[in-house]
Amino acid sequence: MFADTVLMVRPDSFGYNHQTAESNSFQHSSLLDNSAIKKQAVAESEKLRQKLVDYNIHVLYMYQLQSMELPDAVFPNNWFSTHADGTIIIYPMCSPSRRAEYNPKIIEYLKHNFIVKQILDFRDYTQKDQFLEGTGSLVLDLKHQMLFAAKSIRTHHNLVNEIASNFNLKPCTLTFNDDFNQPIYHTNVCLSVGNGFMVIAKDNLSDDAEKKLLNELLSKTSHEIITISKSQLNHFCGNILQLMNKKKEPILVMSTTAFKAFLPSQIKQLEKHTSIIHSDISTIETTGGGSARCMIAEIFLKPKNQN
């Protein structure tokens, strides 16, 4: 199941976040001044939004809370997710600076325009130092009833198991390490589940037993497996998102950085299953440490007024 409606947040106070950089090796400080960084980030966000609209994806383009400096608000998929059964989940974020991204106006908008049956709010788990960062931490394969989670400070196993139990999914926790042999901060940098395929950074798996378990699980699925290298992971080839547009056509979204890093043979593999769109979001990638998938929150809720 893939979304035809998504939510993005305009990055009006985008910038380098020292707190999140402690666990995200993909973030890099810039020589540009803050105003230039913000201007470029907004332009990149709006260009990606327009490309999605052009391909018949419905985009809810929201503003962040205006009274705060929220350098990572451009990544809304971390603090909430929506589900086809009418559930909204609100997540406990690791960095205190990111907990302020919770925006009640967005939740109220969703409740007003979509059928919301329940809200699961896990934010109190921050008091126990247990964190889970939405579809950054969790990659769901609903077709095969699996949930993938990369071990890191941002993804606590208790919460992974609770979410898996709530949605009757089999959890698969994996250890992905970066070039510095540190845990990669989010699962959705390491793998993506698409329309008949799965992209995964097997070279970044550090545990042989986990590799064996993963191969056994994948052998039972119908996915075509596309393995990306460590270099390709560093170019955000794992941080891609499958959508389904209003015409029921599969659309795979990625950054231009990722598109250029895929091998021509891999692009052909992907194009057997889906169309591909890409957009230049290099400022957001370099300064924020996240790519196209991180910028998009899928809306699986049913609209209240369907024509």
Protein backbone atom coordinates (compact mmCIF):
# COMPACT_ATOMS: atom_id res chain seq x y z
CA MET A 1 0.00 0.00 0.00
CA PHE A 2 1.44 3.34 -1.07
CA ALA A 3 0.17 6.85 -0.40
CA ASP A 4 -1.22 9.26 -3.02
CA THR A 5 -1.36 12.12 -0.51
CA VAL A 6 1.64 13.46 1.39
CA LEU A 7 2.47 16.26 3.79
CA MET A 8 5.53 18.51 3.61
CA VAL A 9 6.65 21.36 5.86
CA ARG A 10 8.18 24.55 4.45
CA PRO A 11 11.68 24.89 6.02
CA ASP A 12 11.45 28.53 7.11
CA SER A 13 14.01 28.17 9.92
CA PHE A 14 16.12 25.42 8.40
CA GLY A 15 19.73 25.18 9.48
CA TYR A 16 22.49 23.06 10.96
CA ASN A 17 21.41 21.39 14.20
CA HIS A 18 24.32 20.63 16.54
CA GLN A 19 22.15 18.39 18.74
CA THR A 20 21.12 16.01 15.97
CA ALA A 21 24.60 16.02 14.40
CA GLU A 22 25.84 14.04 17.40
CA SER A 23 24.10 10.93 16.04
CA ASN A 24 23.85 11.82 12.34
CA SER A 25 27.12 11.58 10.43
CA PHE A 26 25.41 12.78 7.24
CA GLN A 27 25.12 16.34 8.55
CA HIS A 28 27.79 18.90 7.63
CA SER A 29 28.09 22.54 8.60
CA SER A 30 28.08 25.02 5.72
CA LEU A 31 30.20 28.01 4.77
CA LEU A 32 27.00 29.82 3.77
CA ASP A 33 25.37 32.18 6.23
CA ASN A 34 22.10 31.17 7.87
CA SER A 35 19.89 33.33 5.67
CA ALA A 36 21.39 31.87 2.49
CA ILE A 37 20.95 28.31 3.78
CA LYS A 38 17.29 28.97 4.64
CA LYS A 39 16.62 30.57 1.27
CA GLN A 40 18.12 27.63 -0.62
CA ALA A 41 16.29 25.08 1.56
CA VAL A 42 12.93 26.76 0.93
CA ALA A 43 13.60 26.83 -2.82
CA GLU A 44 14.55 23.14 -2.82
CA SER A 45 11.48 22.20 -0.80
CA GLU A 46 9.13 24.12 -3.08
CA LYS A 47 10.71 22.61 -6.19
CA LEU A 48 10.24 19.08 -4.82
CA ARG A 49 6.65 19.91 -3.91
CA GLN A 50 5.94 21.12 -7.44
CA LYS A 51 7.45 17.99 -8.98
CA LEU A 52 5.18 15.83 -6.84
CA VAL A 53 2.15 17.90 -7.86
CA ASP A 54 3.15 17.65 -11.51
CA TYR A 55 3.08 13.86 -11.17
CA ASN A 56 -0.42 13.89 -9.65
CA ILE A 57 0.59 13.45 -6.01
CA HIS A 58 -1.61 15.47 -3.64
CA VAL A 59 0.71 17.56 -1.43
CA LEU A 60 -0.40 19.20 1.81
CA TYR A 61 2.20 21.95 2.13
CA MET A 62 2.27 23.19 5.71
CA TYR A 63 4.06 25.91 7.64
CA GLN A 64 6.06 25.19 10.77
CA LEU A 65 5.22 26.86 14.07
CA GLN A 66 6.26 30.43 13.40
CA SER A 67 7.30 31.35 16.93
CA MET A 68 10.24 28.90 17.09
CA GLU A 69 13.53 28.15 15.42
CA LEU A 70 13.05 24.58 14.19
CA PRO A 71 15.99 23.69 11.93
CA ASP A 72 14.68 20.16 11.22
CA ALA A 73 10.95 20.88 10.77
CA VAL A 74 11.44 20.04 7.08
CA PHE A 75 11.46 16.35 8.18
CA PRO A 76 7.88 15.90 9.52
CA ASN A 77 7.79 12.12 9.02
CA ASN A 78 9.83 11.73 12.20
CA TRP A 79 7.34 13.17 14.70
CA PHE A 80 4.11 11.69 13.33
CA SER A 81 2.79 9.02 11.01
CA THR A 82 -0.67 8.12 9.72
CA HIS A 83 -2.20 4.73 9.02
CA ALA A 84 -5.05 3.37 6.92
CA ASP A 85 -7.01 2.16 9.94
CA GLY A 86 -7.48 5.78 11.04
CA THR A 87 -4.54 5.92 13.47
CA ILE A 88 -2.15 8.83 13.96
CA ILE A 89 1.01 8.08 15.94
CA ILE A 90 3.02 10.84 17.63
CA TYR A 91 6.59 9.83 18.39
CA PRO A 92 9.17 10.50 21.14
CA MET A 93 12.02 12.36 19.48
CA CYS A 94 15.60 11.90 20.65
CA SER A 95 16.86 15.50 20.48
CA PRO A 96 15.09 18.06 22.71
CA SER A 97 15.31 20.59 19.88
CA ARG A 98 13.21 18.30 17.68
CA ARG A 99 10.49 17.61 20.25
CA ALA A 100 9.25 21.16 19.67
CA GLU A 101 8.39 20.22 16.07
CA TYR A 102 5.13 18.69 17.29
CA ASN A 103 2.55 20.94 15.68
CA PRO A 104 -1.01 20.70 17.03
CA LYS A 105 -2.29 22.69 14.05
CA ILE A 106 -1.22 19.89 11.72
CA ILE A 107 -2.95 17.28 13.89
CA GLU A 108 -6.11 19.41 14.01
CA TYR A 109 -6.01 19.84 10.23
CA LEU A 110 -5.79 16.08 9.76
CA LYS A 111 -8.63 15.46 12.21
CA HIS A 112 -10.80 18.03 10.46
CA ASN A 113 -10.22 16.74 6.94
CA PHE A 114 -9.64 13.02 7.40
CA ILE A 115 -11.20 10.16 9.34
CA VAL A 116 -9.10 9.80 12.50
CA LYS A 117 -10.17 7.02 14.85
CA GLN A 118 -7.37 7.16 17.39
CA ILE A 119 -4.18 9.01 18.27
CA LEU A 120 -1.36 7.08 19.91
CA ASP A 121 0.93 9.52 21.68
CA PHE A 122 4.27 8.05 22.76
CA ARG A 123 5.97 11.31 23.71
CA ASP A 124 6.07 10.45 27.43
CA TYR A 125 8.65 7.77 26.64
CA THR A 126 11.26 10.51 26.39
CA GLN A 127 11.19 10.56 30.21
CA LYS A 128 12.51 6.98 30.09
CA ASP A 129 15.13 7.87 27.44
CA GLN A 130 13.27 5.68 24.95
CA PHE A 131 12.99 7.20 21.50
CA LEU A 132 11.40 6.32 18.19
CA GLU A 133 11.42 8.67 15.21
CA GLY A 134 8.49 7.77 13.01
CA THR A 135 9.11 6.43 9.54
CA GLY A 136 12.72 7.41 9.98
CA SER A 137 13.03 4.63 12.56
CA LEU A 138 10.46 2.29 11.03
CA VAL A 139 10.23 0.98 7.47
CA LEU A 140 7.05 -1.02 6.96
CA ASP A 141 6.44 -3.75 4.42
CA LEU A 142 2.68 -4.12 4.76
CA LYS A 143 2.39 -6.61 1.89
CA HIS A 144 4.55 -9.10 3.77
CA GLN A 145 3.56 -7.87 7.28
CA MET A 146 7.11 -6.94 8.25
CA LEU A 147 8.61 -3.99 10.06
CA PHE A 148 12.30 -3.12 9.70
CA ALA A 149 14.21 -1.08 12.28
CA ALA A 150 17.88 -0.13 12.44
CA LYS A 151 19.36 -0.16 15.94
CA SER A 152 20.37 3.29 17.12
CA ILE A 153 19.89 5.72 19.98
CA ARG A 154 16.88 7.07 18.06
CA THR A 155 15.13 3.70 17.74
CA HIS A 156 14.36 1.88 21.00
CA HIS A 157 13.56 -1.82 20.70
CA ASN A 158 10.67 -1.69 23.22
CA LEU A 159 8.83 0.84 21.09
CA VAL A 160 9.63 -1.03 17.88
CA ASN A 161 8.01 -4.14 19.36
CA GLU A 162 5.00 -2.17 20.61
CA ILE A 163 4.33 -0.66 17.19
CA ALA A 164 4.81 -4.07 15.54
CA SER A 165 2.31 -5.61 17.96
CA ASN A 166 -0.21 -2.82 17.35
CA PHE A 167 -0.22 -3.44 13.60
CA ASN A 168 0.35 -7.21 13.67
CA LEU A 169 3.74 -6.94 11.99
CA LYS A 170 6.86 -9.09 12.39
CA PRO A 171 9.74 -6.89 13.63
CA CYS A 172 13.18 -7.26 12.12
CA THR A 173 15.88 -5.23 13.88
CA LEU A 174 19.20 -4.80 12.11
CA THR A 175 22.59 -3.21 12.84
CA PHE A 176 23.67 -0.80 10.10
CA ASN A 177 26.95 1.05 10.65
CA ASP A 178 28.33 4.11 8.86
CA ASP A 179 31.87 4.76 7.63
CA PHE A 180 32.92 5.54 11.22
CA ASN A 181 31.55 2.20 12.47
CA GLN A 182 28.78 4.02 14.31
CA PRO A 183 25.08 3.11 14.09
CA ILE A 184 23.33 4.84 11.20
CA TYR A 185 20.80 7.18 12.73
CA HIS A 186 17.67 6.13 10.81
CA THR A 187 16.41 2.97 9.15
CA ASN A 188 15.05 4.80 6.12
CA VAL A 189 18.58 5.79 5.10
CA CYS A 190 19.46 2.10 4.85
CA LEU A 191 16.51 0.53 3.08
CA SER A 192 13.32 1.23 1.20
CA VAL A 193 10.38 -1.00 0.30
CA GLY A 194 8.83 -0.29 -3.10
CA ASN A 195 6.34 -1.59 -5.61
CA GLY A 196 7.79 -5.05 -6.18
CA PHE A 197 11.32 -4.24 -5.08
CA MET A 198 13.42 -3.48 -2.03
CA VAL A 199 16.56 -1.33 -1.91
CA ILE A 200 18.90 -2.22 0.93
CA ALA A 201 22.45 -1.37 2.02
CA LYS A 202 23.62 -4.88 2.86
CA ASP A 203 27.29 -3.78 2.90
CA ASN A 204 26.52 -1.63 5.97
CA LEU A 205 25.21 -4.58 7.97
CA SER A 206 27.77 -5.46 10.63
CA ASP A 207 26.32 -8.65 12.13
CA ASP A 208 26.60 -11.93 10.21
CA ALA A 209 23.68 -13.52 12.06
CA GLU A 210 21.49 -10.56 11.14
CA LYS A 211 22.57 -10.83 7.50
CA LYS A 212 21.54 -14.49 7.48
CA LEU A 213 18.20 -13.67 9.11
CA LEU A 214 17.54 -10.88 6.63
CA ASN A 215 18.35 -13.08 3.64
CA GLU A 216 15.98 -15.76 4.97
CA LEU A 217 13.20 -13.20 5.39
CA LEU A 218 13.72 -11.66 1.98
CA SER A 219 13.74 -15.07 0.29
CA LYS A 220 10.13 -15.47 1.42
CA THR A 221 9.01 -12.22 -0.21
CA SER A 222 8.19 -11.35 -3.80
CA HIS A 223 10.60 -8.37 -3.83
CA GLU A 224 13.34 -7.88 -6.37
CA ILE A 225 16.30 -7.03 -4.14
CA ILE A 226 18.52 -4.13 -5.21
CA THR A 227 21.66 -3.93 -3.09
CA ILE A 228 23.39 -0.57 -2.74
CA SER A 229 27.00 -0.01 -1.74
CA LYS A 230 28.30 2.01 1.19
CA SER A 231 29.08 4.87 -1.17
CA GLN A 232 25.56 4.77 -2.59
CA LEU A 233 24.11 4.82 0.91
CA ASN A 234 26.18 7.93 1.61
CA HIS A 235 24.55 9.49 -1.46
CA PHE A 236 21.06 8.74 -0.06
CA CYS A 237 20.18 5.90 -2.45
CA GLY A 238 18.37 4.21 0.45
CA ASN A 239 16.40 7.33 1.37
CA ILE A 240 13.81 7.02 -1.37
CA LEU A 241 10.03 6.75 -1.19
CA GLN A 242 7.47 4.85 -3.24
CA LEU A 243 4.18 6.66 -3.80
CA MET A 244 1.11 5.92 -5.92
CA ASN A 245 -0.38 8.91 -7.73
CA LYS A 246 -4.05 9.76 -8.27
CA LYS A 247 -3.98 7.75 -11.51
CA LYS A 248 -2.78 4.69 -9.53
CA GLU A 249 0.63 4.90 -11.18
CA PRO A 250 3.69 4.04 -9.04
CA ILE A 251 6.04 7.00 -8.55
CA LEU A 252 9.43 6.62 -6.83
CA VAL A 253 10.75 9.83 -5.28
CA MET A 254 14.43 10.48 -4.67
CA SER A 255 16.98 13.27 -4.69
CA THR A 256 19.12 14.10 -7.69
CA THR A 257 22.12 13.12 -5.55
CA ALA A 258 20.67 9.62 -5.18
CA PHE A 259 19.58 9.36 -8.82
CA LYS A 260 23.10 10.13 -10.06
CA ALA A 261 24.61 7.60 -7.63
CA PHE A 262 22.50 4.67 -8.80
CA LEU A 263 24.12 2.56 -11.51
CA PRO A 264 22.37 2.65 -14.91
CA SER A 265 21.60 -1.05 -14.46
CA GLN A 266 19.95 -0.34 -11.11
CA ILE A 267 17.85 2.46 -12.62
CA LYS A 268 16.65 -0.06 -15.22
CA GLN A 269 15.77 -2.48 -12.42
CA LEU A 270 13.76 0.20 -10.64
CA GLU A 271 12.03 1.36 -13.80
CA LYS A 272 10.63 -2.14 -14.34
CA HIS A 273 8.47 -1.44 -11.29
CA THR A 274 7.93 2.31 -11.14
CA SER A 275 8.44 5.71 -12.68
CA ILE A 276 11.18 7.79 -11.03
CA ILE A 277 11.23 11.48 -10.20
CA HIS A 278 14.16 13.28 -8.62
CA SER A 279 14.87 16.78 -7.43
CA ASP A 280 17.96 18.68 -6.30
CA ILE A 281 17.79 19.05 -2.52
CA SER A 282 21.55 19.17 -1.90
CA THR A 283 21.42 21.96 0.70
CA ILE A 284 18.87 20.07 2.77
CA GLU A 285 20.85 16.85 2.40
CA THR A 286 24.20 18.36 3.34
CA THR A 287 23.10 20.59 6.21
CA GLY A 288 20.17 18.55 7.51
CA GLY A 289 21.53 15.06 6.91
CA GLY A 290 18.29 13.79 5.40
CA SER A 291 17.00 13.38 1.86
CA ALA A 292 13.76 13.12 -0.10
CA ARG A 293 12.14 10.37 1.93
CA CYS A 294 12.76 12.30 5.17
CA MET A 295 10.93 15.35 3.80
CA ILE A 296 7.68 13.51 3.09
CA ALA A 297 5.05 12.30 5.57
CA GLU A 298 2.61 9.92 3.93
CA ILE A 299 -1.11 10.44 4.57
CA PHE A 300 -2.90 7.09 4.59
CA LEU A 301 -6.03 8.43 6.32
CA LYS A 302 -9.31 8.41 4.40
CA PRO A 303 -10.65 11.87 3.48
CA LYS A 304 -13.92 12.82 5.14
CA ASN A 305 -15.34 14.21 1.91
CA GLN A 306 -14.63 11.86 -0.95
CA ASN A 307 -16.20 12.72 -4.31
